[in-house]
C-alpha atoms as a PDB file:
ATOM      1  CA  MET A   1       8.826 -26.419  -5.365  1.00  0.00           C
ATOM      2  CA  ALA A   2       9.298 -23.043  -6.927  1.00  0.00           C
ATOM      3  CA  ALA A   3      11.228 -20.862  -4.764  1.00  0.00           C
ATOM      4  CA  PRO A   4       9.889 -17.993  -2.888  1.00  0.00           C
ATOM      5  CA  LEU A   5       9.157 -15.028  -4.522  1.00  0.00           C
ATOM      6  CA  PRO A   6      11.806 -12.242  -3.847  1.00  0.00           C
ATOM      7  CA  MET A   7      11.412  -8.951  -1.620  1.00  0.00           C
ATOM      8  CA  PHE A   8      13.144  -5.744  -2.511  1.00  0.00           C
ATOM      9  CA  PRO A   9      15.879  -4.695   0.101  1.00  0.00           C
ATOM     10  CA  LYS A  10      15.997  -1.227  -1.227  1.00  0.00           C
ATOM     11  CA  HIS A  11      13.835   1.231  -2.470  1.00  0.00           C
ATOM     12  CA  HIS A  12      14.036   2.069  -5.719  1.00  0.00           C
ATOM     13  CA  PHE A  13      12.565   4.414  -8.341  1.00  0.00           C
ATOM     14  CA  VAL A  14      11.085   2.297 -10.804  1.00  0.00           C
ATOM     15  CA  PRO A  15      11.552   4.689 -14.243  1.00  0.00           C
ATOM     16  CA  LYS A  16       8.357   4.962 -16.850  1.00  0.00           C
ATOM     17  CA  THR A  17      10.786   3.975 -19.227  1.00  0.00           C
ATOM     18  CA  LEU A  18      10.291   0.288 -18.408  1.00  0.00           C
ATOM     19  CA  ALA A  19       6.838   0.533 -19.244  1.00  0.00           C
ATOM     20  CA  GLY A  20       6.326  -1.796 -22.579  1.00  0.00           C
ATOM     21  CA  SER A  21       9.759  -3.569 -21.704  1.00  0.00           C
ATOM     22  CA  PHE A  22       7.569  -7.280 -21.276  1.00  0.00           C
ATOM     23  CA  THR A  23       4.876  -8.634 -23.520  1.00  0.00           C
ATOM     24  CA  PHE A  24       2.950 -11.424 -22.033  1.00  0.00           C
ATOM     25  CA  ALA A  25       1.488 -14.196 -24.590  1.00  0.00           C
ATOM     26  CA  ASP A  26      -1.081 -12.286 -25.278  1.00  0.00           C
ATOM     27  CA  ARG A  27       0.843  -9.254 -26.507  1.00  0.00           C
ATOM     28  CA  ARG A  28      -0.125  -7.336 -24.082  1.00  0.00           C
ATOM     29  CA  PRO A  29       2.734  -5.243 -22.907  1.00  0.00           C
ATOM     30  CA  ALA A  30       3.444  -4.912 -19.333  1.00  0.00           C
ATOM     31  CA  LEU A  31       5.790  -3.361 -16.604  1.00  0.00           C
ATOM     32  CA  VAL A  32       8.083  -5.905 -14.856  1.00  0.00           C
ATOM     33  CA  PRO A  33       9.714  -3.811 -12.064  1.00  0.00           C
ATOM     34  CA  VAL A  34       9.935  -6.551  -9.833  1.00  0.00           C
ATOM     35  CA  CYS A  35      10.524  -9.970 -10.423  1.00  0.00           C
ATOM     36  CA  ILE A  36      10.512 -12.686 -13.055  1.00  0.00           C
ATOM     37  CA  ALA A  37      10.874 -16.132 -11.564  1.00  0.00           C
ATOM     38  CA  SER A  38      12.865 -18.720 -13.324  1.00  0.00           C
ATOM     39  CA  GLN A  39      10.564 -21.480 -15.432  1.00  0.00           C
ATOM     40  CA  ARG A  40      10.160 -24.472 -13.423  1.00  0.00           C
ATOM     41  CA  GLY A  41       8.826 -27.771 -14.506  1.00  0.00           C
ATOM     42  CA  GLY A  42       6.307 -25.879 -16.671  1.00  0.00           C
ATOM     43  CA  ASP A  43       5.240 -23.139 -14.642  1.00  0.00           C
ATOM     44  CA  SER A  44       4.758 -19.989 -16.078  1.00  0.00           C
ATOM     45  CA  LEU A  45       6.641 -16.448 -15.721  1.00  0.00           C
ATOM     46  CA  VAL A  46       5.804 -15.117 -12.528  1.00  0.00           C
ATOM     47  CA  ALA A  47       5.504 -10.977 -12.801  1.00  0.00           C
ATOM     48  CA  TRP A  48       3.525  -8.034 -11.751  1.00  0.00           C
ATOM     49  CA  SER A  49       2.558  -5.632 -14.531  1.00  0.00           C
ATOM     50  CA  LYS A  50       0.209  -2.666 -14.937  1.00  0.00           C
ATOM     51  CA  GLY A  51      -3.332  -3.349 -14.652  1.00  0.00           C
ATOM     52  CA  TYR A  52      -2.709  -6.958 -14.231  1.00  0.00           C
ATOM     53  CA  SER A  53      -4.260  -8.742 -11.105  1.00  0.00           C
ATOM     54  CA  LEU A  54      -2.363 -11.093  -9.303  1.00  0.00           C
ATOM     55  CA  TYR A  55      -4.217 -14.414  -9.799  1.00  0.00           C
ATOM     56  CA  ARG A  56      -4.320 -13.675 -13.528  1.00  0.00           C
ATOM     57  CA  ILE A  57      -0.562 -13.770 -14.152  1.00  0.00           C
ATOM     58  CA  CYS A  58       1.036 -16.070 -11.847  1.00  0.00           C
ATOM     59  CA  SER A  59       0.602 -19.642 -11.923  1.00  0.00           C
ATOM     60  CA  ALA A  60       4.221 -20.162 -10.594  1.00  0.00           C
ATOM     61  CA  VAL A  61       2.572 -18.771  -6.969  1.00  0.00           C
ATOM     62  CA  LYS A  62       2.565 -22.271  -5.662  1.00  0.00           C
ATOM     63  CA  ALA A  63       5.607 -21.077  -3.600  1.00  0.00           C
ATOM     64  CA  VAL A  64       3.118 -18.266  -1.890  1.00  0.00           C
ATOM     65  CA  ASP A  65       1.456 -19.950   1.525  1.00  0.00           C
ATOM     66  CA  GLY A  66      -1.839 -18.106   0.645  1.00  0.00           C
ATOM     67  CA  VAL A  67      -2.058 -19.625  -2.952  1.00  0.00           C
ATOM     68  CA  ARG A  68      -5.349 -21.385  -2.311  1.00  0.00           C
ATOM     69  CA  VAL A  69      -6.973 -18.992  -0.793  1.00  0.00           C
ATOM     70  CA  LEU A  70      -5.896 -16.621  -3.834  1.00  0.00           C
ATOM     71  CA  GLU A  71      -7.644 -18.733  -6.009  1.00  0.00           C
ATOM     72  CA  ALA A  72     -10.772 -18.982  -4.106  1.00  0.00           C
ATOM     73  CA  ALA A  73     -10.859 -15.112  -4.310  1.00  0.00           C
ATOM     74  CA  LYS A  74     -10.346 -14.726  -7.747  1.00  0.00           C
ATOM     75  CA  ASP A  75     -14.228 -13.669  -8.252  1.00  0.00           C
ATOM     76  CA  GLU A  76     -13.618 -10.928  -5.580  1.00  0.00           C
ATOM     77  CA  LYS A  77     -13.858  -6.953  -6.458  1.00  0.00           C
ATOM     78  CA  PRO A  78     -10.355  -6.312  -6.204  1.00  0.00           C
ATOM     79  CA  ILE A  79      -8.021  -3.776  -3.755  1.00  0.00           C
ATOM     80  CA  ILE A  80      -6.814  -1.114  -6.249  1.00  0.00           C
ATOM     81  CA  VAL A  81      -3.235  -0.335  -5.872  1.00  0.00           C
ATOM     82  CA  ILE A  82      -1.748   3.400  -7.287  1.00  0.00           C
ATOM     83  CA  ASP A  83       1.432   2.961  -7.935  1.00  0.00           C
ATOM     84  CA  ASN A  84       3.664   5.986  -7.201  1.00  0.00           C
ATOM     85  CA  TYR A  85       6.688   4.573  -9.528  1.00  0.00           C
ATOM     86  CA  ASP A  86       8.104   2.753  -6.690  1.00  0.00           C
ATOM     87  CA  SER A  87       9.465  -0.498  -6.391  1.00  0.00           C
ATOM     88  CA  PHE A  88       8.415  -1.203  -3.030  1.00  0.00           C
ATOM     89  CA  THR A  89       4.844  -0.990  -4.129  1.00  0.00           C
ATOM     90  CA  TYR A  90       5.368  -4.392  -5.252  1.00  0.00           C
ATOM     91  CA  ASN A  91       6.217  -5.660  -1.622  1.00  0.00           C
ATOM     92  CA  LEU A  92       3.036  -4.170  -0.708  1.00  0.00           C
ATOM     93  CA  CYS A  93       1.666  -6.295  -3.477  1.00  0.00           C
ATOM     94  CA  GLN A  94       2.874  -9.137  -2.614  1.00  0.00           C
ATOM     95  CA  TYR A  95       1.966  -9.059   0.926  1.00  0.00           C
ATOM     96  CA  ILE A  96      -1.767  -8.814  -0.301  1.00  0.00           C
ATOM     97  CA  GLY A  97      -1.397 -11.522  -2.415  1.00  0.00           C
ATOM     98  CA  GLU A  98      -0.075 -14.121   0.570  1.00  0.00           C
ATOM     99  CA  LEU A  99      -3.261 -13.111   2.649  1.00  0.00           C
ATOM    100  CA  GLY A 100      -5.198 -14.614  -0.305  1.00  0.00           C
ATOM    101  CA  THR A 101      -6.845 -11.233  -1.501  1.00  0.00           C
ATOM    102  CA  ASN A 102      -7.426  -9.905  -5.267  1.00  0.00           C
ATOM    103  CA  PHE A 103      -5.287  -7.006  -6.148  1.00  0.00           C
ATOM    104  CA  LYS A 104      -4.797  -4.598  -9.636  1.00  0.00           C
ATOM    105  CA  VAL A 105      -2.061  -2.407  -9.805  1.00  0.00           C
ATOM    106  CA  TYR A 106      -2.371   0.882 -11.912  1.00  0.00           C
ATOM    107  CA  ARG A 107       0.328   3.591 -12.268  1.00  0.00           C
ATOM    108  CA  ASN A 108      -0.776   6.983 -10.762  1.00  0.00           C
ATOM    109  CA  ASP A 109      -1.358   8.630 -14.184  1.00  0.00           C
ATOM    110  CA  GLU A 110      -2.659   5.236 -16.219  1.00  0.00           C
ATOM    111  CA  LEU A 111      -6.125   5.847 -15.082  1.00  0.00           C
ATOM    112  CA  THR A 112      -8.459   8.499 -13.692  1.00  0.00           C
ATOM    113  CA  VAL A 113     -10.375   8.649 -10.196  1.00  0.00           C
ATOM    114  CA  ASP A 114     -14.001   8.129 -12.373  1.00  0.00           C
ATOM    115  CA  GLU A 115     -12.639   5.096 -13.644  1.00  0.00           C
ATOM    116  CA  ILE A 116     -11.469   3.693 -10.211  1.00  0.00           C
ATOM    117  CA  ARG A 117     -14.877   4.739  -8.969  1.00  0.00           C
ATOM    118  CA  ARG A 118     -16.390   2.360 -11.403  1.00  0.00           C
ATOM    119  CA  MET A 119     -14.384  -0.567 -10.581  1.00  0.00           C
ATOM    120  CA  ASN A 120     -16.175  -0.464  -7.133  1.00  0.00           C
ATOM    121  CA  PRO A 121     -13.371  -1.758  -5.648  1.00  0.00           C
ATOM    122  CA  ARG A 122     -13.240  -3.458  -1.998  1.00  0.00           C
ATOM    123  CA  GLY A 123     -10.011  -1.092  -1.048  1.00  0.00           C
ATOM    124  CA  ILE A 124      -7.765   1.041  -2.141  1.00  0.00           C
ATOM    125  CA  LEU A 125      -3.858   1.445  -1.564  1.00  0.00           C
ATOM    126  CA  ILE A 126      -1.685   4.383  -1.957  1.00  0.00           C
ATOM    127  CA  SER A 127       1.773   3.432  -2.465  1.00  0.00           C
ATOM    128  CA  PRO A 128       5.122   5.054  -1.401  1.00  0.00           C
ATOM    129  CA  GLY A 129       6.946   7.270  -4.121  1.00  0.00           C
ATOM    130  CA  PRO A 130       9.663   9.841  -5.175  1.00  0.00           C
ATOM    131  CA  GLY A 131       8.896  13.452  -4.383  1.00  0.00           C
ATOM    132  CA  ALA A 132       5.693  15.104  -2.657  1.00  0.00           C
ATOM    133  CA  PRO A 133       2.309  14.499  -2.687  1.00  0.00           C
ATOM    134  CA  LYS A 134       2.201  16.943  -5.823  1.00  0.00           C
ATOM    135  CA  ASP A 135       4.095  14.630  -7.735  1.00  0.00           C
ATOM    136  CA  SER A 136       1.595  11.682  -7.001  1.00  0.00           C
ATOM    137  CA  GLY A 137      -0.988  11.686 -10.155  1.00  0.00           C
ATOM    138  CA  ILE A 138      -4.553  11.142  -9.068  1.00  0.00           C
ATOM    139  CA  SER A 139      -3.560   9.977  -5.305  1.00  0.00           C
ATOM    140  CA  LEU A 140      -4.428  13.467  -3.832  1.00  0.00           C
ATOM    141  CA  GLN A 141      -7.991  13.330  -5.961  1.00  0.00           C
ATOM    142  CA  THR A 142      -8.414   9.760  -4.583  1.00  0.00           C
ATOM    143  CA  VAL A 143      -7.942  10.239  -1.135  1.00  0.00           C
ATOM    144  CA  LEU A 144     -10.728  13.065  -1.306  1.00  0.00           C
ATOM    145  CA  GLU A 145     -13.726  11.623  -3.567  1.00  0.00           C
ATOM    146  CA  LEU A 146     -13.366   8.107  -3.013  1.00  0.00           C
ATOM    147  CA  GLY A 147     -11.858   7.837   0.693  1.00  0.00           C
ATOM    148  CA  PRO A 148     -15.109   8.751   2.148  1.00  0.00           C
ATOM    149  CA  SER A 149     -16.862   5.882   0.517  1.00  0.00           C
ATOM    150  CA  ILE A 150     -14.005   2.834   0.142  1.00  0.00           C
ATOM    151  CA  PRO A 151     -11.604   2.011   3.059  1.00  0.00           C
ATOM    152  CA  LEU A 152      -8.082   3.581   1.837  1.00  0.00           C
ATOM    153  CA  PHE A 153      -4.364   2.717   3.578  1.00  0.00           C
ATOM    154  CA  GLY A 154      -1.791   5.353   2.454  1.00  0.00           C
ATOM    155  CA  VAL A 155       1.898   4.306   2.970  1.00  0.00           C
ATOM    156  CA  CYS A 156       4.906   6.623   3.256  1.00  0.00           C
ATOM    157  CA  MET A 157       4.311   9.301   0.478  1.00  0.00           C
ATOM    158  CA  GLY A 158       0.305   8.009   0.761  1.00  0.00           C
ATOM    159  CA  LEU A 159       0.029   9.186   4.158  1.00  0.00           C
ATOM    160  CA  GLN A 160       1.573  12.181   3.317  1.00  0.00           C
ATOM    161  CA  CYS A 161      -1.502  12.353   0.790  1.00  0.00           C
ATOM    162  CA  ILE A 162      -3.872  12.008   3.060  1.00  0.00           C
ATOM    163  CA  GLY A 163      -2.644  14.566   5.274  1.00  0.00           C
ATOM    164  CA  GLU A 164      -2.374  17.086   2.381  1.00  0.00           C
ATOM    165  CA  ALA A 165      -5.632  16.491   1.168  1.00  0.00           C
ATOM    166  CA  PHE A 166      -7.250  17.550   4.650  1.00  0.00           C
ATOM    167  CA  GLY A 167      -5.349  20.442   5.321  1.00  0.00           C
ATOM    168  CA  GLY A 168      -2.093  19.809   6.246  1.00  0.00           C
ATOM    169  CA  LYS A 169       1.259  20.437   5.006  1.00  0.00           C
ATOM    170  CA  ILE A 170       4.420  18.377   4.273  1.00  0.00           C
ATOM    171  CA  VAL A 171       7.198  19.591   5.516  1.00  0.00           C
ATOM    172  CA  ARG A 172      10.843  18.035   5.080  1.00  0.00           C
ATOM    173  CA  SER A 173      11.827  16.251   8.395  1.00  0.00           C
ATOM    174  CA  PRO A 174      13.608  18.229  11.292  1.00  0.00           C
ATOM    175  CA  TYR A 175      15.991  15.333  11.545  1.00  0.00           C
ATOM    176  CA  GLY A 176      16.920  15.084   8.134  1.00  0.00           C
ATOM    177  CA  VAL A 177      16.721  12.152   5.589  1.00  0.00           C
ATOM    178  CA  VAL A 178      16.170   8.344   6.752  1.00  0.00           C
ATOM    179  CA  HIS A 179      17.198   5.631   4.261  1.00  0.00           C
ATOM    180  CA  GLY A 180      16.219   2.114   5.365  1.00  0.00           C
ATOM    181  CA  LYS A 181      16.588   3.043   8.944  1.00  0.00           C
ATOM    182  CA  GLY A 182      14.960   1.348  12.030  1.00  0.00           C
ATOM    183  CA  ALA A 183      13.049   3.174  14.463  1.00  0.00           C
ATOM    184  CA  LEU A 184      10.409   2.270  17.538  1.00  0.00           C
ATOM    185  CA  VAL A 185       7.109   3.141  16.635  1.00  0.00           C
ATOM    186  CA  TYR A 186       4.372   3.998  19.521  1.00  0.00           C
ATOM    187  CA  TYR A 187       0.712   4.237  18.645  1.00  0.00           C
ATOM    188  CA  ASP A 188      -2.152   4.607  20.920  1.00  0.00           C
ATOM    189  CA  GLU A 189      -4.928   2.398  19.397  1.00  0.00           C
ATOM    190  CA  LYS A 190      -8.596   1.770  21.077  1.00  0.00           C
ATOM    191  CA  LEU A 191     -10.617   0.833  18.218  1.00  0.00           C
ATOM    192  CA  GLU A 192     -11.004  -2.958  17.413  1.00  0.00           C
ATOM    193  CA  TYR A 193      -9.802  -2.735  13.714  1.00  0.00           C
ATOM    194  CA  SER A 194      -6.711  -0.765  12.901  1.00  0.00           C
ATOM    195  CA  LEU A 195      -4.121  -0.960  11.186  1.00  0.00           C
ATOM    196  CA  PHE A 196      -2.006  -1.492  14.658  1.00  0.00           C
ATOM    197  CA  SER A 197      -4.479  -4.393  16.256  1.00  0.00           C
ATOM    198  CA  GLY A 198      -2.771  -6.906  17.914  1.00  0.00           C
ATOM    199  CA  LEU A 199       0.791  -5.293  17.337  1.00  0.00           C
ATOM    200  CA  PRO A 200       3.507  -4.614  20.183  1.00  0.00           C
ATOM    201  CA  ASN A 201       3.672  -1.284  21.499  1.00  0.00           C
ATOM    202  CA  PRO A 202       6.430   0.305  20.603  1.00  0.00           C
ATOM    203  CA  PHE A 203       7.605  -1.986  17.579  1.00  0.00           C
ATOM    204  CA  ASN A 204      10.239  -1.511  14.956  1.00  0.00           C
ATOM    205  CA  ALA A 205       9.659   0.325  11.560  1.00  0.00           C
ATOM    206  CA  ALA A 206      11.467   1.016   8.725  1.00  0.00           C
ATOM    207  CA  ARG A 207      12.113   4.458   7.343  1.00  0.00           C
ATOM    208  CA  TYR A 208      12.460   5.829   4.202  1.00  0.00           C
ATOM    209  CA  HIS A 209      11.643   9.482   3.483  1.00  0.00           C
ATOM    210  CA  SER A 210      12.658  12.941   3.926  1.00  0.00           C
ATOM    211  CA  LEU A 211       9.400  14.448   4.387  1.00  0.00           C
ATOM    212  CA  VAL A 212       6.619  14.241   7.427  1.00  0.00           C
ATOM    213  CA  ILE A 213       3.083  15.986   7.936  1.00  0.00           C
ATOM    214  CA  GLU A 214       4.020  18.705   9.814  1.00  0.00           C
ATOM    215  CA  ASN A 215       2.996  18.715  13.603  1.00  0.00           C
ATOM    216  CA  ASP A 216       2.170  22.434  14.255  1.00  0.00           C
ATOM    217  CA  SER A 217      -0.267  22.180  10.892  1.00  0.00           C
ATOM    218  CA  PHE A 218      -1.852  19.011  11.455  1.00  0.00           C
ATOM    219  CA  PRO A 219      -5.596  19.337  10.542  1.00  0.00           C
ATOM    220  CA  ASP A 220      -6.675  17.929  13.807  1.00  0.00           C
ATOM    221  CA  ASP A 221     -10.294  18.702  13.463  1.00  0.00           C
ATOM    222  CA  ILE A 222     -10.268  16.418  10.592  1.00  0.00           C
ATOM    223  CA  LEU A 223      -7.517  13.751  11.456  1.00  0.00           C
ATOM    224  CA  GLU A 224      -6.137  12.512  14.190  1.00  0.00           C
ATOM    225  CA  ILE A 225      -2.521  11.118  14.847  1.00  0.00           C
ATOM    226  CA  THR A 226      -2.419   7.240  15.679  1.00  0.00           C
ATOM    227  CA  ALA A 227       1.215   6.437  15.564  1.00  0.00           C
ATOM    228  CA  TRP A 228       4.491   8.439  16.596  1.00  0.00           C
ATOM    229  CA  THR A 229       8.279   8.182  16.910  1.00  0.00           C
ATOM    230  CA  GLU A 230      10.158   8.679  20.095  1.00  0.00           C
ATOM    231  CA  ASP A 231      11.017  12.212  18.884  1.00  0.00           C
ATOM    232  CA  GLU A 232       7.136  12.829  18.022  1.00  0.00           C
ATOM    233  CA  LEU A 233       7.458  13.025  14.196  1.00  0.00           C
ATOM    234  CA  ILE A 234       4.107  11.227  12.955  1.00  0.00           C
ATOM    235  CA  MET A 235       3.895   7.833  11.806  1.00  0.00           C
ATOM    236  CA  GLY A 236       0.579   6.953  11.245  1.00  0.00           C
ATOM    237  CA  ALA A 237      -3.231   9.015  11.019  1.00  0.00           C
ATOM    238  CA  ARG A 238      -6.563   8.375  10.553  1.00  0.00           C
ATOM    239  CA  HIS A 239      -9.737  10.261   9.241  1.00  0.00           C
ATOM    240  CA  LYS A 240     -11.849  10.875  12.343  1.00  0.00           C
ATOM    241  CA  LYS A 241     -15.365  10.640  10.461  1.00  0.00           C
ATOM    242  CA  TYR A 242     -14.133   8.151   8.067  1.00  0.00           C
ATOM    243  CA  LYS A 243     -12.230   6.099  10.346  1.00  0.00           C
ATOM    244  CA  HIS A 244     -11.585   3.526   7.032  1.00  0.00           C
ATOM    245  CA  ILE A 245      -9.163   6.092   5.781  1.00  0.00           C
ATOM    246  CA  GLN A 246      -5.871   5.317   7.095  1.00  0.00           C
ATOM    247  CA  GLY A 247      -2.395   5.143   6.865  1.00  0.00           C
ATOM    248  CA  VAL A 248       1.340   5.349   8.238  1.00  0.00           C
ATOM    249  CA  GLN A 249       4.903   6.974   7.119  1.00  0.00           C
ATOM    250  CA  PHE A 250       6.951   3.384   7.874  1.00  0.00           C
ATOM    251  CA  HIS A 251       7.352   0.800   5.075  1.00  0.00           C
ATOM    252  CA  PRO A 252       5.072  -1.951   6.342  1.00  0.00           C
ATOM    253  CA  GLU A 253       6.433  -4.029   3.473  1.00  0.00           C
ATOM    254  CA  SER A 254      10.255  -3.516   4.615  1.00  0.00           C
ATOM    255  CA  VAL A 255      11.897  -6.654   6.291  1.00  0.00           C
ATOM    256  CA  ILE A 256      12.919  -4.046   8.819  1.00  0.00           C
ATOM    257  CA  THR A 257       9.206  -3.801   9.850  1.00  0.00           C
ATOM    258  CA  THR A 258       8.846  -6.559  12.343  1.00  0.00           C
ATOM    259  CA  GLU A 259       5.133  -6.333  12.017  1.00  0.00           C
ATOM    260  CA  GLY A 260       4.654  -5.469   8.501  1.00  0.00           C
ATOM    261  CA  LYS A 261       2.425  -8.054   7.136  1.00  0.00           C
ATOM    262  CA  ARG A 262       0.065  -7.915  10.414  1.00  0.00           C
ATOM    263  CA  ILE A 263      -0.280  -4.087   9.764  1.00  0.00           C
ATOM    264  CA  VAL A 264      -1.333  -5.379   5.956  1.00  0.00           C
ATOM    265  CA  HIS A 265      -3.337  -8.115   7.386  1.00  0.00           C
ATOM    266  CA  ASN A 266      -4.967  -5.482   9.514  1.00  0.00           C
ATOM    267  CA  PHE A 267      -5.954  -3.224   6.703  1.00  0.00           C
ATOM    268  CA  LEU A 268      -8.056  -6.264   5.044  1.00  0.00           C
ATOM    269  CA  MET A 269      -9.445  -6.933   7.958  1.00  0.00           C
ATOM    270  CA  LEU A 270     -10.560  -3.449   8.287  1.00  0.00           C
ATOM    271  CA  ILE A 271     -12.440  -3.827   4.728  1.00  0.00           C
ATOM    272  CA  LYS A 272     -14.101  -7.010   5.861  1.00  0.00           C
ATOM    273  CA  GLU A 273     -15.711  -4.898   8.639  1.00  0.00           C
ATOM    274  CA  PHE A 274     -16.285  -2.021   6.510  1.00  0.00           C
ATOM    275  CA  GLU A 275     -18.219  -4.342   4.108  1.00  0.00           C
ATOM    276  CA  ALA A 276     -20.180  -6.198   7.216  1.00  0.00           C
ATOM    277  CA  GLU A 277     -21.374  -2.624   8.467  1.00  0.00           C
ATOM    278  CA  LYS A 278     -22.687  -1.419   5.233  1.00  0.00           C
ATOM    279  CA  ASN A 279     -24.296  -5.020   4.465  1.00  0.00           C
ATOM    280  CA  ALA A 280     -26.282  -4.460   7.870  1.00  0.00           C
ATOM    281  CA  LEU A 281     -27.683  -1.315   6.868  1.00  0.00           C
END
């Protein structure tokens, strides 16, 4: 059996110059920022690349527990992952794939919001990334234009995009930069379908950030705070009207986050509930 797919232990910026550094057999250039697994017994190389669904490129993913579910999900509409040039994006993708859901990854300057709209995805995930929301390409516009009609999950800078899109200010954390530190995250969650359903309270989460949504300017007429640290930094938020727009400041894909995979699972369950309600209309 092939070795399990690796997880990034550190937060890396994946430079744009890597694009085109690897070419698949069909001569299509591809970005390979995460891993290329060794060939074993005729299995093909494993890689994530821009615009490629996991199931299209990973015949070696027999090591992933959810592979049978993945095979059954080939014809499903994908979740679109907007990659803000950050290596942690692909750890999130690994969780999505292991949980049996089809996805496609695009860089934040690789396509337009209208192109995503035409794809009619099941959901959208806005990844972490270096810099501030102003550096996130189409991410802010995606929150505003597609968030009301498509389940959307923002992680780290993705949450900051949600905050800024609806009127909040993104500021330097009053407690300085944190890089790979664990913190207890508290939440007050009463909805059946939320990112924190079934989690212990508090739980340990990984923080890699210097920016936060400012408490004083938080747009509480539009958004609600769903999670926080002991020193009251905002760690989660949700839209009050469009409750399928949710985000977290911490990194669920980090091994430091004890309940990270469960949080990604909860986002997928939120999508299913959204679809069920939509079909019932």
